[in-house]
Structure formats: C-alpha cells, structure tokens
Amino acid sequence: MGTRHDAIVLKLTEAFAPDVLRVENESKNHSVPAGSETHFKVVVVSSAFEGVSRVDRHRKVNAVLAGELSSGLHALTITSRTPAEWATTEGAVVAESPPCLGGGGSKAAS
C-alpha cells in the first residue's frame, strides 16, 4: 500500500491527464503527529477544466478524491487552471497557504 500522496497523484492523473500536477503534503505545518498525511495542497492544470467554472473544477477534484476525504484527508487546498490560464503570469501564481492556527481555529494574542 502506498502513501496518501501517491494515491492523490494517481487519482488526479487518471482523472484529468494534467499538464501540471503538484501535490504537496502540508501536514507538517499543522498540529498533527509527525508523518501525518492529513493536509494537502494540489495544483492541477488540465484541459479538462476548459469551460468549467472554478467552483465546478473544485467539485470535480473533490469528487475524484472523495475516498481520501472520507478516510483521513482533513484539508485540501485546490488550485485548478486550464493550460491557457496557467500560461499567463497571473495564472501560474499559487497562493501560499496560511499558517496553522491550531485546533481551536484562532490564535491567542501574545
């Protein structure tokens, strides 16, 4: 059995035949045990997204990863672009993930 990372790569590759696929395990940035695979960021650039709204693109990615989301994948950040969008300077910009605020959802003032 492979890692969750490997499963995500395989499922997204099979579903979207992406031109660009980045899968990053961001679990280390959160309050989870070392070695966890609970928080991921994915960048998917595919012609399968032509004519598809951003919301529907995310729905498609979530549907492909439904098994992962129901079995321990806690958080998924999605960037989805068409090849034409990715080719622009703005399209290839991927936002940094915000810092983890811990299990309580807010950070106390120091």
C-alpha atoms as a PDB file:
ATOM      1  CA  MET A   1       0.000   0.000   0.000  1.00  0.00           C
ATOM      2  CA  GLY A   2       1.390   3.427  -0.975  1.00  0.00           C
ATOM      3  CA  THR A   3       1.115   6.759   0.688  1.00  0.00           C
ATOM      4  CA  ARG A   4      -1.857   9.102   0.545  1.00  0.00           C
ATOM      5  CA  HIS A   5       0.362  11.411  -1.529  1.00  0.00           C
ATOM      6  CA  ASP A   6       0.846   8.640  -4.100  1.00  0.00           C
ATOM      7  CA  ALA A   7      -2.894   7.881  -4.153  1.00  0.00           C
ATOM      8  CA  ILE A   8      -3.733  11.545  -4.771  1.00  0.00           C
ATOM      9  CA  VAL A   9      -1.198  11.764  -7.609  1.00  0.00           C
ATOM     10  CA  LEU A  10      -2.557   8.601  -9.234  1.00  0.00           C
ATOM     11  CA  LYS A  11      -6.219   9.580  -8.944  1.00  0.00           C
ATOM     12  CA  LEU A  12      -5.726  13.123 -10.249  1.00  0.00           C
ATOM     13  CA  THR A  13      -3.510  11.900 -13.095  1.00  0.00           C
ATOM     14  CA  GLU A  14      -6.069   9.306 -14.173  1.00  0.00           C
ATOM     15  CA  ALA A  15      -9.000  11.721 -13.931  1.00  0.00           C
ATOM     16  CA  PHE A  16      -7.541  14.848 -15.506  1.00  0.00           C
ATOM     17  CA  ALA A  17      -4.398  13.924 -17.509  1.00  0.00           C
ATOM     18  CA  PRO A  18      -2.871  17.153 -16.196  1.00  0.00           C
ATOM     19  CA  ASP A  19      -0.201  19.205 -17.946  1.00  0.00           C
ATOM     20  CA  VAL A  20       0.996  20.262 -14.483  1.00  0.00           C
ATOM     21  CA  LEU A  21       0.328  18.419 -11.250  1.00  0.00           C
ATOM     22  CA  ARG A  22       1.770  19.411  -7.899  1.00  0.00           C
ATOM     23  CA  VAL A  23       0.779  17.589  -4.736  1.00  0.00           C
ATOM     24  CA  GLU A  24       2.237  18.909  -1.501  1.00  0.00           C
ATOM     25  CA  ASN A  25       1.744  17.366   1.924  1.00  0.00           C
ATOM     26  CA  GLU A  26       1.339  20.365   4.233  1.00  0.00           C
ATOM     27  CA  SER A  27       0.586  18.297   7.332  1.00  0.00           C
ATOM     28  CA  LYS A  28       3.923  19.277   8.908  1.00  0.00           C
ATOM     29  CA  ASN A  29       2.579  22.841   9.163  1.00  0.00           C
ATOM     30  CA  HIS A  30      -0.327  21.735  11.362  1.00  0.00           C
ATOM     31  CA  SER A  31      -0.938  20.329  14.812  1.00  0.00           C
ATOM     32  CA  VAL A  32      -0.829  16.672  13.801  1.00  0.00           C
ATOM     33  CA  PRO A  33       1.582  13.819  14.575  1.00  0.00           C
ATOM     34  CA  ALA A  34       4.819  13.643  12.600  1.00  0.00           C
ATOM     35  CA  GLY A  35       4.434  11.717   9.362  1.00  0.00           C
ATOM     36  CA  SER A  36       0.721  12.545   9.010  1.00  0.00           C
ATOM     37  CA  GLU A  37      -0.927  12.871   5.627  1.00  0.00           C
ATOM     38  CA  THR A  38      -3.961  14.931   6.587  1.00  0.00           C
ATOM     39  CA  HIS A  39      -3.428  18.334   4.911  1.00  0.00           C
ATOM     40  CA  PHE A  40      -2.619  18.672   1.198  1.00  0.00           C
ATOM     41  CA  LYS A  41      -2.295  21.368  -1.427  1.00  0.00           C
ATOM     42  CA  VAL A  42      -2.838  20.401  -5.057  1.00  0.00           C
ATOM     43  CA  VAL A  43      -2.219  22.338  -8.254  1.00  0.00           C
ATOM     44  CA  VAL A  44      -3.938  20.792 -11.275  1.00  0.00           C
ATOM     45  CA  VAL A  45      -3.544  22.271 -14.759  1.00  0.00           C
ATOM     46  CA  SER A  46      -5.671  20.414 -17.274  1.00  0.00           C
ATOM     47  CA  SER A  47      -7.599  20.956 -20.477  1.00  0.00           C
ATOM     48  CA  ALA A  48     -10.409  19.065 -18.715  1.00  0.00           C
ATOM     49  CA  PHE A  49     -11.163  22.379 -16.990  1.00  0.00           C
ATOM     50  CA  GLU A  50     -11.877  24.256 -20.244  1.00  0.00           C
ATOM     51  CA  GLY A  51     -15.273  25.949 -19.952  1.00  0.00           C
ATOM     52  CA  VAL A  52     -15.709  24.781 -16.333  1.00  0.00           C
ATOM     53  CA  SER A  53     -16.242  27.296 -13.517  1.00  0.00           C
ATOM     54  CA  ARG A  54     -13.805  27.424 -10.601  1.00  0.00           C
ATOM     55  CA  VAL A  55     -16.445  26.025  -8.256  1.00  0.00           C
ATOM     56  CA  ASP A  56     -17.195  23.121 -10.590  1.00  0.00           C
ATOM     57  CA  ARG A  57     -13.473  22.428 -11.056  1.00  0.00           C
ATOM     58  CA  HIS A  58     -13.122  22.118  -7.298  1.00  0.00           C
ATOM     59  CA  ARG A  59     -16.192  19.901  -7.148  1.00  0.00           C
ATOM     60  CA  LYS A  60     -14.610  17.622  -9.750  1.00  0.00           C
ATOM     61  CA  VAL A  61     -11.328  17.403  -7.814  1.00  0.00           C
ATOM     62  CA  ASN A  62     -13.203  16.754  -4.565  1.00  0.00           C
ATOM     63  CA  ALA A  63     -15.259  14.015  -6.264  1.00  0.00           C
ATOM     64  CA  VAL A  64     -12.109  12.293  -7.537  1.00  0.00           C
ATOM     65  CA  LEU A  65     -10.621  12.441  -4.038  1.00  0.00           C
ATOM     66  CA  ALA A  66     -13.841  11.545  -2.168  1.00  0.00           C
ATOM     67  CA  GLY A  67     -12.329   8.319  -0.860  1.00  0.00           C
ATOM     68  CA  GLU A  68      -9.347  10.179   0.556  1.00  0.00           C
ATOM     69  CA  LEU A  69     -11.563  12.867   2.075  1.00  0.00           C
ATOM     70  CA  SER A  70     -13.673  10.229   3.804  1.00  0.00           C
ATOM     71  CA  SER A  71     -10.663   8.342   5.172  1.00  0.00           C
ATOM     72  CA  GLY A  72      -8.441  10.846   6.953  1.00  0.00           C
ATOM     73  CA  LEU A  73      -7.683  13.634   4.490  1.00  0.00           C
ATOM     74  CA  HIS A  74      -8.723  16.595   6.623  1.00  0.00           C
ATOM     75  CA  ALA A  75      -7.868  19.615   4.467  1.00  0.00           C
ATOM     76  CA  LEU A  76      -7.394  20.095   0.741  1.00  0.00           C
ATOM     77  CA  THR A  77      -6.309  23.339  -0.912  1.00  0.00           C
ATOM     78  CA  ILE A  78      -7.021  23.314  -4.646  1.00  0.00           C
ATOM     79  CA  THR A  79      -5.608  25.465  -7.437  1.00  0.00           C
ATOM     80  CA  SER A  80      -7.162  24.492 -10.781  1.00  0.00           C
ATOM     81  CA  ARG A  81      -6.266  26.086 -14.104  1.00  0.00           C
ATOM     82  CA  THR A  82      -6.566  25.440 -17.808  1.00  0.00           C
ATOM     83  CA  PRO A  83      -3.293  25.336 -19.760  1.00  0.00           C
ATOM     84  CA  ALA A  84      -4.118  28.760 -21.271  1.00  0.00           C
ATOM     85  CA  GLU A  85      -4.728  30.247 -17.814  1.00  0.00           C
ATOM     86  CA  TRP A  86      -1.514  28.707 -16.490  1.00  0.00           C
ATOM     87  CA  ALA A  87       0.444  30.196 -19.395  1.00  0.00           C
ATOM     88  CA  THR A  88      -0.291  33.728 -18.156  1.00  0.00           C
ATOM     89  CA  THR A  89       1.820  35.281 -15.419  1.00  0.00           C
ATOM     90  CA  GLU A  90      -1.176  35.598 -13.107  1.00  0.00           C
ATOM     91  CA  GLY A  91      -2.391  32.065 -13.831  1.00  0.00           C
ATOM     92  CA  ALA A  92       0.816  30.426 -12.656  1.00  0.00           C
ATOM     93  CA  VAL A  93       0.747  32.199  -9.284  1.00  0.00           C
ATOM     94  CA  VAL A  94      -0.192  29.827  -6.483  1.00  0.00           C
ATOM     95  CA  ALA A  95      -1.073  31.422  -3.156  1.00  0.00           C
ATOM     96  CA  GLU A  96       0.877  30.471  -0.061  1.00  0.00           C
ATOM     97  CA  SER A  97      -1.104  28.517   2.494  1.00  0.00           C
ATOM     98  CA  PRO A  98      -1.994  30.442   5.642  1.00  0.00           C
ATOM     99  CA  PRO A  99      -0.269  29.448   8.881  1.00  0.00           C
ATOM    100  CA  CYS A 100      -1.956  26.879  11.056  1.00  0.00           C
ATOM    101  CA  LEU A 101      -3.940  28.402  13.883  1.00  0.00           C
ATOM    102  CA  GLY A 102      -4.104  25.192  15.855  1.00  0.00           C
ATOM    103  CA  GLY A 103      -7.093  23.075  16.751  1.00  0.00           C
ATOM    104  CA  GLY A 104      -9.061  25.967  18.233  1.00  0.00           C
ATOM    105  CA  GLY A 105      -9.338  27.875  14.969  1.00  0.00           C
ATOM    106  CA  SER A 106      -7.928  31.126  16.342  1.00  0.00           C
ATOM    107  CA  LYS A 107      -4.625  32.318  17.647  1.00  0.00           C
ATOM    108  CA  ALA A 108      -4.459  33.955  21.055  1.00  0.00           C
ATOM    109  CA  ALA A 109      -2.733  37.327  21.244  1.00  0.00           C
ATOM    110  CA  SER A 110       0.680  37.217  22.899  1.00  0.00           C
END
